Structure formats: structure tokens, C-alpha cells
Amino acid sequence: MSITPAVPATPGPVSEPCERPSAGDEAVALMRHLLKFGYLRAVRLIENGSWSIRVSDTTPVLTLPDTAAALDYAVAVLSLAYGPLDTPKAVA
């Protein structure tokens, strides 16, 4: 009778480090977050790389020229919504 170990003696293959998402993927993820939680009404990525954003039904459409501007806009909206993360809490 032979006993086989539950864990293999040699480790499995080492996976490659995860690739960072592209700026476009990050912008899409942030815009989806803003849509999901009601900070934006509509977002459209146009074929030429620009973005159209509507904040509410009564506001005009904002056009951002590229993905970098869309990322800047999303970060600004989130920072206004959540506030700075390093603000110390008041001691009661």
C-alpha cells in the first residue's frame, strides 16, 4: 500500500503578474460607477476617443476631448462626492 501526498511535491507554475488596466478601461469603470450611483445621467464614448457626458436631464451635454480628460473629470466628481480621504475625523 502506498500513500500519496495530498499536496504535490513540486509547486505549480508561477503565474505572470497581472497587467495594469489601460486608461480607457479605468475611465469606463469609473464612468460606470458614476452612472450606477447617480452622479451622471448618461455617458457615451465616441469613436474619435472623445466622451459625451450628461449630468442630469436638464443640464447641457459636456464633451470631453479624450480619455485623460474623462479620467480627470471622473476623479474630480468622486473627490467632490466623497471628500478628501486624508481628512482627520473630529474627536467627540
C-alpha atoms as a PDB file:
ATOM      1  CA  MET A   1       0.000   0.000   0.000  1.00  0.00           C
ATOM      2  CA  SER A   2       1.402   3.393  -0.963  1.00  0.00           C
ATOM      3  CA  ILE A   3       0.457   6.758   0.454  1.00  0.00           C
ATOM      4  CA  THR A   4       0.228   9.656  -1.943  1.00  0.00           C
ATOM      5  CA  PRO A   5       0.745  13.132  -0.556  1.00  0.00           C
ATOM      6  CA  ALA A   6      -2.260  15.461  -0.638  1.00  0.00           C
ATOM      7  CA  VAL A   7      -0.066  18.341  -1.770  1.00  0.00           C
ATOM      8  CA  PRO A   8       2.167  17.843  -4.806  1.00  0.00           C
ATOM      9  CA  ALA A   9       5.882  17.917  -4.033  1.00  0.00           C
ATOM     10  CA  THR A  10       6.641  20.450  -6.761  1.00  0.00           C
ATOM     11  CA  PRO A  11       4.824  23.764  -6.845  1.00  0.00           C
ATOM     12  CA  GLY A  12       2.608  24.575  -9.797  1.00  0.00           C
ATOM     13  CA  PRO A  13       3.514  27.091 -12.455  1.00  0.00           C
ATOM     14  CA  VAL A  14       4.027  30.651 -11.310  1.00  0.00           C
ATOM     15  CA  SER A  15       1.524  32.982 -12.894  1.00  0.00           C
ATOM     16  CA  GLU A  16       2.652  36.146 -14.600  1.00  0.00           C
ATOM     17  CA  PRO A  17       1.996  39.437 -12.817  1.00  0.00           C
ATOM     18  CA  CYS A  18      -1.345  40.989 -13.669  1.00  0.00           C
ATOM     19  CA  GLU A  19      -1.292  43.639 -16.333  1.00  0.00           C
ATOM     20  CA  ARG A  20      -2.454  47.096 -15.357  1.00  0.00           C
ATOM     21  CA  PRO A  21      -5.703  48.139 -16.981  1.00  0.00           C
ATOM     22  CA  SER A  22      -5.413  50.742 -19.686  1.00  0.00           C
ATOM     23  CA  ALA A  23      -6.518  54.315 -19.098  1.00  0.00           C
ATOM     24  CA  GLY A  24      -9.544  53.636 -21.284  1.00  0.00           C
ATOM     25  CA  ASP A  25     -10.570  50.653 -19.148  1.00  0.00           C
ATOM     26  CA  GLU A  26     -10.159  52.700 -15.974  1.00  0.00           C
ATOM     27  CA  ALA A  27     -12.211  55.552 -17.430  1.00  0.00           C
ATOM     28  CA  VAL A  28     -15.005  53.166 -18.436  1.00  0.00           C
ATOM     29  CA  ALA A  29     -15.024  51.592 -14.959  1.00  0.00           C
ATOM     30  CA  LEU A  30     -15.164  54.982 -13.236  1.00  0.00           C
ATOM     31  CA  MET A  31     -17.929  56.232 -15.531  1.00  0.00           C
ATOM     32  CA  ARG A  32     -19.952  53.071 -14.844  1.00  0.00           C
ATOM     33  CA  HIS A  33     -19.530  53.716 -11.118  1.00  0.00           C
ATOM     34  CA  LEU A  34     -20.717  57.307 -11.531  1.00  0.00           C
ATOM     35  CA  LEU A  35     -23.731  56.129 -13.554  1.00  0.00           C
ATOM     36  CA  LYS A  36     -24.590  53.355 -11.111  1.00  0.00           C
ATOM     37  CA  PHE A  37     -24.653  55.654  -8.104  1.00  0.00           C
ATOM     38  CA  GLY A  38     -26.486  58.501  -9.831  1.00  0.00           C
ATOM     39  CA  TYR A  39     -23.716  61.061 -10.255  1.00  0.00           C
ATOM     40  CA  LEU A  40     -24.236  61.055 -14.036  1.00  0.00           C
ATOM     41  CA  ARG A  41     -27.301  60.551 -16.211  1.00  0.00           C
ATOM     42  CA  ALA A  42     -25.622  59.384 -19.443  1.00  0.00           C
ATOM     43  CA  VAL A  43     -22.116  58.763 -20.780  1.00  0.00           C
ATOM     44  CA  ARG A  44     -21.045  57.938 -24.308  1.00  0.00           C
ATOM     45  CA  LEU A  45     -17.583  57.133 -25.630  1.00  0.00           C
ATOM     46  CA  ILE A  46     -17.449  58.428 -29.191  1.00  0.00           C
ATOM     47  CA  GLU A  47     -15.446  56.725 -31.959  1.00  0.00           C
ATOM     48  CA  ASN A  48     -12.868  59.511 -32.176  1.00  0.00           C
ATOM     49  CA  GLY A  49     -11.942  58.988 -28.499  1.00  0.00           C
ATOM     50  CA  SER A  50     -13.927  61.870 -27.038  1.00  0.00           C
ATOM     51  CA  TRP A  51     -16.609  61.480 -24.368  1.00  0.00           C
ATOM     52  CA  SER A  52     -20.117  62.962 -24.097  1.00  0.00           C
ATOM     53  CA  ILE A  53     -21.473  63.283 -20.568  1.00  0.00           C
ATOM     54  CA  ARG A  54     -24.871  64.393 -19.298  1.00  0.00           C
ATOM     55  CA  VAL A  55     -25.029  65.085 -15.575  1.00  0.00           C
ATOM     56  CA  SER A  56     -28.828  65.372 -15.400  1.00  0.00           C
ATOM     57  CA  ASP A  57     -31.791  65.682 -17.746  1.00  0.00           C
ATOM     58  CA  THR A  58     -31.761  69.481 -17.542  1.00  0.00           C
ATOM     59  CA  THR A  59     -28.032  70.108 -17.994  1.00  0.00           C
ATOM     60  CA  PRO A  60     -26.291  70.515 -21.348  1.00  0.00           C
ATOM     61  CA  VAL A  61     -24.087  67.751 -22.698  1.00  0.00           C
ATOM     62  CA  LEU A  62     -20.442  68.040 -21.685  1.00  0.00           C
ATOM     63  CA  THR A  63     -17.936  66.953 -24.323  1.00  0.00           C
ATOM     64  CA  LEU A  64     -14.501  65.859 -23.147  1.00  0.00           C
ATOM     65  CA  PRO A  65     -11.759  65.629 -25.787  1.00  0.00           C
ATOM     66  CA  ASP A  66     -10.042  62.402 -24.730  1.00  0.00           C
ATOM     67  CA  THR A  67      -9.695  59.641 -22.152  1.00  0.00           C
ATOM     68  CA  ALA A  68      -7.285  61.636 -19.975  1.00  0.00           C
ATOM     69  CA  ALA A  69      -9.875  64.397 -19.635  1.00  0.00           C
ATOM     70  CA  ALA A  70     -12.558  61.797 -18.850  1.00  0.00           C
ATOM     71  CA  LEU A  71     -10.375  60.332 -16.089  1.00  0.00           C
ATOM     72  CA  ASP A  72      -9.723  63.801 -14.665  1.00  0.00           C
ATOM     73  CA  TYR A  73     -13.452  64.554 -14.717  1.00  0.00           C
ATOM     74  CA  ALA A  74     -14.380  61.262 -13.015  1.00  0.00           C
ATOM     75  CA  VAL A  75     -11.768  61.728 -10.295  1.00  0.00           C
ATOM     76  CA  ALA A  76     -12.949  65.300  -9.680  1.00  0.00           C
ATOM     77  CA  VAL A  77     -16.584  64.189  -9.367  1.00  0.00           C
ATOM     78  CA  LEU A  78     -15.659  61.377  -6.991  1.00  0.00           C
ATOM     79  CA  SER A  79     -13.488  63.654  -4.858  1.00  0.00           C
ATOM     80  CA  LEU A  80     -16.344  66.150  -4.576  1.00  0.00           C
ATOM     81  CA  ALA A  81     -18.776  63.367  -3.706  1.00  0.00           C
ATOM     82  CA  TYR A  82     -16.637  61.590  -1.121  1.00  0.00           C
ATOM     83  CA  GLY A  83     -14.331  64.356   0.046  1.00  0.00           C
ATOM     84  CA  PRO A  84     -10.618  64.051   0.717  1.00  0.00           C
ATOM     85  CA  LEU A  85      -9.582  60.709   2.166  1.00  0.00           C
ATOM     86  CA  ASP A  86      -6.950  62.120   4.489  1.00  0.00           C
ATOM     87  CA  THR A  87      -9.283  64.414   6.447  1.00  0.00           C
ATOM     88  CA  PRO A  88      -8.933  63.580  10.142  1.00  0.00           C
ATOM     89  CA  LYS A  89     -12.141  62.658  11.967  1.00  0.00           C
ATOM     90  CA  ALA A  90     -13.305  65.018  14.683  1.00  0.00           C
ATOM     91  CA  VAL A  91     -12.784  63.694  18.192  1.00  0.00           C
ATOM     92  CA  ALA A  92     -16.036  63.681  20.152  1.00  0.00           C
END
